[in-house]
N, C-alpha and C. Protein backbone atom coordinates (compact mmCIF):
# COMPACT_ATOMS: atom_id res chain seq x y z
N MET A 1 121.03 113.93 76.89
CA MET A 1 121.09 115.28 77.39
C MET A 1 120.78 115.26 78.88
N ARG A 2 121.54 116.01 79.63
CA ARG A 2 121.38 116.04 81.08
C ARG A 2 120.62 117.29 81.49
N TYR A 3 119.67 117.11 82.38
CA TYR A 3 118.91 118.23 82.91
C TYR A 3 119.09 118.24 84.42
N THR A 4 119.57 119.31 84.97
CA THR A 4 119.70 119.42 86.41
C THR A 4 119.16 120.77 86.83
N GLU A 5 118.31 120.76 87.83
CA GLU A 5 117.76 122.01 88.37
C GLU A 5 117.98 122.01 89.87
N ARG A 6 118.60 123.05 90.36
CA ARG A 6 118.81 123.17 91.80
C ARG A 6 117.49 123.46 92.47
N ILE A 7 117.27 122.81 93.57
CA ILE A 7 116.07 123.04 94.36
C ILE A 7 116.53 123.57 95.70
N GLY A 8 116.07 124.75 96.09
CA GLY A 8 116.48 125.31 97.37
C GLY A 8 116.04 124.42 98.52
N SER A 9 116.91 124.26 99.50
CA SER A 9 116.55 123.47 100.68
C SER A 9 116.98 124.22 101.93
N LYS A 10 116.23 123.99 102.97
CA LYS A 10 116.55 124.58 104.27
C LYS A 10 116.89 123.45 105.22
N LYS A 11 117.67 123.74 106.23
CA LYS A 11 118.05 122.71 107.19
C LYS A 11 116.86 122.42 108.10
N GLY A 12 116.78 121.20 108.54
CA GLY A 12 115.74 120.81 109.48
C GLY A 12 116.21 121.02 110.91
N HIS A 13 115.39 120.65 111.84
CA HIS A 13 115.74 120.74 113.25
C HIS A 13 116.40 119.44 113.67
N ILE A 14 117.21 119.49 114.70
CA ILE A 14 117.90 118.31 115.20
C ILE A 14 117.10 117.73 116.36
N SER A 15 116.89 116.43 116.34
CA SER A 15 116.27 115.74 117.47
C SER A 15 116.78 114.32 117.48
N ASN A 16 116.37 113.54 118.45
CA ASN A 16 116.81 112.15 118.54
C ASN A 16 115.76 111.23 117.96
N ASP A 17 116.21 110.17 117.33
CA ASP A 17 115.32 109.17 116.75
C ASP A 17 116.05 107.85 116.77
N GLY A 18 115.33 106.75 116.81
CA GLY A 18 115.95 105.43 116.84
C GLY A 18 116.60 105.07 115.53
N ALA A 19 117.53 104.12 115.57
CA ALA A 19 118.18 103.63 114.35
C ALA A 19 117.17 102.86 113.51
N ARG A 20 117.44 102.79 112.21
CA ARG A 20 116.47 102.20 111.30
C ARG A 20 116.99 100.93 110.61
N GLY A 21 117.93 100.25 111.19
CA GLY A 21 118.39 99.01 110.55
C GLY A 21 119.48 99.26 109.53
N GLY A 22 119.75 98.27 108.67
CA GLY A 22 120.89 98.32 107.78
C GLY A 22 120.66 98.95 106.42
N MET A 23 119.42 99.23 106.01
CA MET A 23 119.22 99.78 104.68
C MET A 23 119.08 101.30 104.74
N THR A 24 119.39 101.95 103.64
CA THR A 24 119.29 103.41 103.59
C THR A 24 117.82 103.80 103.56
N MET A 25 117.44 104.65 104.49
CA MET A 25 116.06 105.08 104.62
C MET A 25 115.94 106.55 104.26
N VAL A 26 115.12 106.83 103.26
CA VAL A 26 114.80 108.19 102.86
C VAL A 26 113.28 108.30 102.87
N THR A 27 112.76 109.36 103.46
CA THR A 27 111.32 109.57 103.52
C THR A 27 110.97 110.87 102.81
N LEU A 28 109.95 110.81 101.96
CA LEU A 28 109.38 112.02 101.36
C LEU A 28 107.97 112.16 101.93
N THR A 29 107.65 113.35 102.42
CA THR A 29 106.28 113.57 102.84
C THR A 29 105.39 113.60 101.59
N GLU A 30 104.10 113.50 101.80
CA GLU A 30 103.16 113.55 100.68
C GLU A 30 103.31 114.85 99.89
N ARG A 31 103.47 115.97 100.62
CA ARG A 31 103.64 117.27 99.96
C ARG A 31 104.92 117.31 99.12
N ALA A 32 106.01 116.78 99.68
CA ALA A 32 107.29 116.79 98.95
C ALA A 32 107.20 115.91 97.71
N SER A 33 106.64 114.73 97.86
CA SER A 33 106.51 113.81 96.73
C SER A 33 105.68 114.44 95.62
N ALA A 34 104.56 115.05 95.97
CA ALA A 34 103.69 115.68 94.97
C ALA A 34 104.42 116.83 94.27
N LYS A 35 105.14 117.66 95.03
CA LYS A 35 105.84 118.80 94.43
C LYS A 35 106.98 118.33 93.51
N ILE A 36 107.71 117.31 93.91
CA ILE A 36 108.80 116.79 93.08
C ILE A 36 108.24 116.22 91.78
N ARG A 37 107.15 115.45 91.87
CA ARG A 37 106.54 114.90 90.66
C ARG A 37 106.04 116.03 89.76
N GLU A 38 105.50 117.09 90.35
CA GLU A 38 105.05 118.26 89.58
C GLU A 38 106.23 118.92 88.86
N LEU A 39 107.35 119.10 89.56
CA LEU A 39 108.53 119.73 88.95
C LEU A 39 109.10 118.88 87.82
N ILE A 40 109.10 117.57 88.01
CA ILE A 40 109.58 116.67 86.96
C ILE A 40 108.67 116.76 85.74
N ALA A 41 107.34 116.79 85.97
CA ALA A 41 106.39 116.91 84.86
C ALA A 41 106.57 118.24 84.13
N GLN A 42 106.77 119.33 84.88
CA GLN A 42 106.97 120.64 84.27
C GLN A 42 108.26 120.70 83.44
N ALA A 43 109.26 119.92 83.84
CA ALA A 43 110.53 119.90 83.11
C ALA A 43 110.38 119.20 81.76
N ASN A 44 109.29 118.45 81.61
CA ASN A 44 108.98 117.77 80.35
C ASN A 44 110.14 116.88 79.87
N VAL A 45 110.62 116.06 80.79
CA VAL A 45 111.69 115.11 80.48
C VAL A 45 111.13 113.69 80.61
N PRO A 46 111.64 112.74 79.82
CA PRO A 46 111.09 111.38 79.86
C PRO A 46 111.27 110.70 81.22
N GLU A 47 112.44 110.85 81.81
CA GLU A 47 112.69 110.27 83.13
C GLU A 47 113.34 111.33 84.00
N GLY A 48 112.76 111.54 85.15
CA GLY A 48 113.32 112.52 86.08
C GLY A 48 113.54 111.89 87.44
N TYR A 49 114.59 112.33 88.09
CA TYR A 49 114.96 111.80 89.40
C TYR A 49 115.21 112.96 90.36
N LEU A 50 115.08 112.67 91.64
CA LEU A 50 115.51 113.61 92.67
C LEU A 50 116.88 113.15 93.14
N ARG A 51 117.86 114.03 93.02
CA ARG A 51 119.21 113.72 93.49
C ARG A 51 119.42 114.41 94.83
N ILE A 52 119.85 113.62 95.82
CA ILE A 52 120.22 114.17 97.12
C ILE A 52 121.73 114.04 97.24
N GLY A 53 122.38 115.13 97.57
CA GLY A 53 123.82 115.10 97.74
C GLY A 53 124.24 115.87 98.97
N VAL A 54 125.47 115.68 99.36
CA VAL A 54 126.03 116.46 100.45
C VAL A 54 127.18 117.28 99.89
N GLN A 55 127.38 118.44 100.47
CA GLN A 55 128.44 119.33 100.02
C GLN A 55 129.08 119.99 101.23
N PRO A 56 130.37 120.32 101.14
CA PRO A 56 131.01 121.03 102.25
C PRO A 56 130.24 122.31 102.54
N SER A 57 130.18 122.67 103.81
CA SER A 57 129.39 123.84 104.17
C SER A 57 130.13 124.68 105.20
N CYS A 58 130.06 125.95 105.00
CA CYS A 58 130.52 126.93 105.97
C CYS A 58 131.92 126.61 106.48
N CYS A 59 132.09 126.60 107.79
CA CYS A 59 133.43 126.41 108.35
C CYS A 59 133.79 124.94 108.58
N SER A 60 132.81 124.08 108.69
CA SER A 60 133.08 122.64 108.85
C SER A 60 131.80 121.87 108.60
N GLY A 61 131.90 120.58 108.41
CA GLY A 61 130.71 119.76 108.21
C GLY A 61 130.19 119.86 106.80
N PHE A 62 128.89 119.59 106.64
CA PHE A 62 128.28 119.57 105.32
C PHE A 62 126.85 120.06 105.40
N SER A 63 126.27 120.30 104.22
CA SER A 63 124.84 120.59 104.11
C SER A 63 124.31 119.75 102.95
N TYR A 64 123.00 119.62 102.88
CA TYR A 64 122.37 118.84 101.82
C TYR A 64 122.10 119.71 100.60
N GLY A 65 122.13 119.08 99.45
CA GLY A 65 121.72 119.71 98.21
C GLY A 65 120.71 118.82 97.52
N LEU A 66 119.68 119.42 96.95
CA LEU A 66 118.66 118.69 96.20
C LEU A 66 118.66 119.21 94.77
N ALA A 67 118.49 118.31 93.82
CA ALA A 67 118.43 118.71 92.41
C ALA A 67 117.59 117.71 91.64
N LEU A 68 116.92 118.20 90.59
CA LEU A 68 116.27 117.29 89.65
C LEU A 68 117.33 116.88 88.64
N ASP A 69 117.30 115.61 88.26
CA ASP A 69 118.31 115.10 87.33
C ASP A 69 117.66 114.12 86.38
N THR A 70 118.24 113.96 85.21
CA THR A 70 117.72 113.00 84.23
C THR A 70 118.73 111.89 83.94
N GLU A 71 119.84 111.91 84.63
CA GLU A 71 120.90 110.96 84.34
C GLU A 71 121.30 110.18 85.59
N ARG A 72 121.31 108.85 85.45
CA ARG A 72 121.81 107.99 86.52
C ARG A 72 123.28 107.68 86.24
N ARG A 73 124.10 107.79 87.26
CA ARG A 73 125.53 107.53 87.12
C ARG A 73 125.87 106.14 87.66
N ASP A 74 127.04 105.66 87.30
CA ASP A 74 127.47 104.33 87.75
C ASP A 74 127.54 104.21 89.26
N ASP A 75 127.90 105.29 89.95
CA ASP A 75 128.04 105.23 91.41
C ASP A 75 126.78 105.67 92.15
N ASP A 76 125.65 105.73 91.46
CA ASP A 76 124.38 106.10 92.10
C ASP A 76 123.68 104.89 92.68
N ARG A 77 123.04 105.09 93.80
CA ARG A 77 122.10 104.12 94.35
C ARG A 77 120.72 104.73 94.15
N ALA A 78 119.82 103.99 93.54
CA ALA A 78 118.45 104.46 93.30
C ALA A 78 117.55 103.92 94.41
N ILE A 79 116.78 104.81 95.01
CA ILE A 79 115.86 104.45 96.08
C ILE A 79 114.48 104.93 95.66
N ASP A 80 113.53 104.03 95.54
CA ASP A 80 112.16 104.40 95.16
C ASP A 80 111.38 104.77 96.41
N VAL A 81 110.91 106.02 96.44
CA VAL A 81 110.21 106.53 97.61
C VAL A 81 108.98 107.30 97.16
N ALA A 82 107.82 106.87 97.58
CA ALA A 82 106.57 107.61 97.37
C ALA A 82 106.39 108.07 95.92
N GLY A 83 106.67 107.20 94.97
CA GLY A 83 106.47 107.54 93.57
C GLY A 83 107.58 108.35 92.94
N VAL A 84 108.68 108.53 93.65
CA VAL A 84 109.82 109.31 93.16
C VAL A 84 111.07 108.43 93.27
N THR A 85 111.90 108.43 92.24
CA THR A 85 113.18 107.73 92.33
C THR A 85 114.22 108.72 92.82
N VAL A 86 114.81 108.41 93.97
CA VAL A 86 115.81 109.26 94.61
C VAL A 86 117.18 108.67 94.29
N LEU A 87 118.09 109.51 93.81
CA LEU A 87 119.46 109.08 93.51
C LEU A 87 120.42 109.63 94.55
N VAL A 88 121.30 108.74 95.04
CA VAL A 88 122.31 109.12 96.02
C VAL A 88 123.61 108.46 95.61
N LYS A 89 124.71 109.20 95.64
CA LYS A 89 126.02 108.60 95.38
C LYS A 89 126.32 107.57 96.46
N GLU A 90 126.89 106.44 96.04
CA GLU A 90 127.23 105.37 97.00
C GLU A 90 128.00 105.91 98.20
N GLY A 91 128.97 106.79 97.96
CA GLY A 91 129.80 107.31 99.04
C GLY A 91 129.10 108.26 99.99
N GLU A 92 127.87 108.66 99.66
CA GLU A 92 127.14 109.60 100.50
C GLU A 92 125.95 108.96 101.21
N LEU A 93 125.77 107.66 101.04
CA LEU A 93 124.61 106.98 101.61
C LEU A 93 124.50 107.16 103.12
N ARG A 94 125.62 107.09 103.84
CA ARG A 94 125.55 107.19 105.30
C ARG A 94 125.07 108.57 105.76
N TYR A 95 125.29 109.59 104.95
CA TYR A 95 124.83 110.93 105.31
C TYR A 95 123.34 111.12 105.00
N VAL A 96 122.83 110.31 104.10
CA VAL A 96 121.44 110.46 103.66
C VAL A 96 120.51 109.53 104.45
N ASP A 97 121.06 108.48 105.05
CA ASP A 97 120.24 107.54 105.80
C ASP A 97 119.48 108.25 106.92
N GLY A 98 118.18 108.10 106.92
CA GLY A 98 117.34 108.72 107.94
C GLY A 98 116.73 110.05 107.54
N VAL A 99 117.06 110.53 106.36
CA VAL A 99 116.59 111.84 105.91
C VAL A 99 115.08 111.83 105.64
N GLU A 100 114.42 112.91 106.05
CA GLU A 100 113.03 113.15 105.68
C GLU A 100 112.99 114.49 104.94
N ILE A 101 112.38 114.47 103.76
CA ILE A 101 112.26 115.68 102.95
C ILE A 101 110.80 116.09 102.93
N ASP A 102 110.56 117.35 103.22
CA ASP A 102 109.20 117.90 103.22
C ASP A 102 109.19 119.12 102.30
N TYR A 103 108.00 119.51 101.89
CA TYR A 103 107.82 120.74 101.12
C TYR A 103 106.91 121.65 101.91
N VAL A 104 107.36 122.87 102.15
CA VAL A 104 106.60 123.86 102.91
C VAL A 104 106.22 124.99 101.97
N ASP A 105 104.94 125.33 101.93
CA ASP A 105 104.45 126.43 101.09
C ASP A 105 103.95 127.52 102.02
N ASP A 106 104.88 128.40 102.43
CA ASP A 106 104.56 129.40 103.44
C ASP A 106 105.25 130.72 103.11
N GLY A 107 104.80 131.36 102.04
CA GLY A 107 105.34 132.67 101.66
C GLY A 107 106.84 132.65 101.48
N PRO A 108 107.57 133.48 102.25
CA PRO A 108 109.02 133.56 102.07
C PRO A 108 109.74 132.28 102.51
N GLU A 109 109.08 131.44 103.26
CA GLU A 109 109.67 130.19 103.73
C GLU A 109 109.35 129.01 102.81
N THR A 110 108.81 129.27 101.62
CA THR A 110 108.44 128.20 100.69
C THR A 110 109.68 127.48 100.19
N GLY A 111 109.62 126.16 100.21
CA GLY A 111 110.73 125.36 99.71
C GLY A 111 110.78 124.01 100.38
N PHE A 112 111.81 123.27 100.07
CA PHE A 112 112.00 121.94 100.63
C PHE A 112 112.81 122.04 101.92
N THR A 113 112.46 121.21 102.88
CA THR A 113 113.25 121.09 104.10
C THR A 113 113.84 119.70 104.15
N VAL A 114 115.05 119.61 104.64
CA VAL A 114 115.73 118.33 104.79
C VAL A 114 116.00 118.14 106.28
N PHE A 115 115.48 117.05 106.83
CA PHE A 115 115.57 116.77 108.25
C PHE A 115 116.26 115.43 108.44
N ASN A 116 117.32 115.40 109.23
CA ASN A 116 117.99 114.15 109.56
C ASN A 116 118.25 114.13 111.06
N PRO A 117 117.51 113.31 111.80
CA PRO A 117 117.64 113.29 113.26
C PRO A 117 118.98 112.75 113.74
N LYS A 118 119.77 112.17 112.86
CA LYS A 118 121.06 111.61 113.26
C LYS A 118 122.17 112.66 113.33
N LEU A 119 121.94 113.83 112.77
CA LEU A 119 122.99 114.83 112.63
C LEU A 119 123.14 115.69 113.87
N VAL A 120 124.35 116.22 114.03
CA VAL A 120 124.63 117.19 115.08
C VAL A 120 125.26 118.41 114.42
N PRO A 121 124.98 119.62 114.96
CA PRO A 121 125.62 120.82 114.40
C PRO A 121 127.14 120.69 114.52
N SER A 122 127.87 121.18 113.52
CA SER A 122 129.33 121.05 113.56
C SER A 122 130.04 122.38 113.75
N CYS A 123 129.29 123.47 113.82
CA CYS A 123 129.91 124.76 114.12
C CYS A 123 128.85 125.69 114.68
N GLY A 124 129.26 126.83 115.13
CA GLY A 124 128.36 127.76 115.79
C GLY A 124 127.40 128.49 114.87
N CYS A 125 127.65 128.47 113.57
CA CYS A 125 126.81 129.24 112.64
C CYS A 125 125.46 128.57 112.39
N GLY A 126 125.35 127.27 112.65
CA GLY A 126 124.08 126.57 112.43
C GLY A 126 123.83 126.15 111.00
N ALA A 127 124.82 126.32 110.11
CA ALA A 127 124.63 125.97 108.70
C ALA A 127 125.31 124.66 108.33
N SER A 128 126.12 124.10 109.23
CA SER A 128 126.85 122.87 108.94
C SER A 128 126.48 121.78 109.94
N TYR A 129 126.44 120.55 109.44
CA TYR A 129 126.10 119.41 110.27
C TYR A 129 127.07 118.28 109.99
N THR A 130 127.13 117.32 110.90
CA THR A 130 127.95 116.14 110.71
C THR A 130 127.32 114.97 111.44
N LEU A 131 127.82 113.80 111.18
CA LEU A 131 127.37 112.61 111.91
C LEU A 131 128.06 112.61 113.28
N PRO A 132 127.40 112.08 114.32
CA PRO A 132 127.99 112.09 115.66
C PRO A 132 129.38 111.47 115.72
N GLU A 133 129.62 110.37 114.99
CA GLU A 133 130.92 109.71 115.04
C GLU A 133 132.02 110.52 114.37
N GLU A 134 131.66 111.56 113.61
CA GLU A 134 132.66 112.41 112.96
C GLU A 134 132.85 113.73 113.69
N ALA A 135 132.03 113.98 114.69
CA ALA A 135 132.10 115.25 115.42
C ALA A 135 133.36 115.27 116.29
N GLU A 136 133.98 116.44 116.37
CA GLU A 136 135.14 116.59 117.26
C GLU A 136 134.64 116.64 118.69
N VAL A 137 135.38 116.02 119.57
CA VAL A 137 134.97 115.98 120.97
C VAL A 137 135.67 117.05 121.76
């Protein structure tokens, strides 16, 4: 049986950061890791994972999606981070490399934030991002 729960995420701020080598790097803050483990425990499932995906967004580019999942697929790459197994589709690894996920508990702003310093805005609305090598010049 598959269990998937959408987790609301907000976009992070854009800044510059150095490259991190050849492996996919995902960071969970302590708050994010604790909240994800809590949500998995509340779901009362034997094995729970955090799935990070990208989806088309707005007029161009993409945005991140986060979900709890209980099923690993053949094209998933599993990354163990801070006590949480993060699943990413092989074809989306380059978009996830460098991502930092945090959890903010601040009234109406409560939720997960996804920050990737490698991304650039891809349209004027501020809801879509892309990798610099894919940006139109």
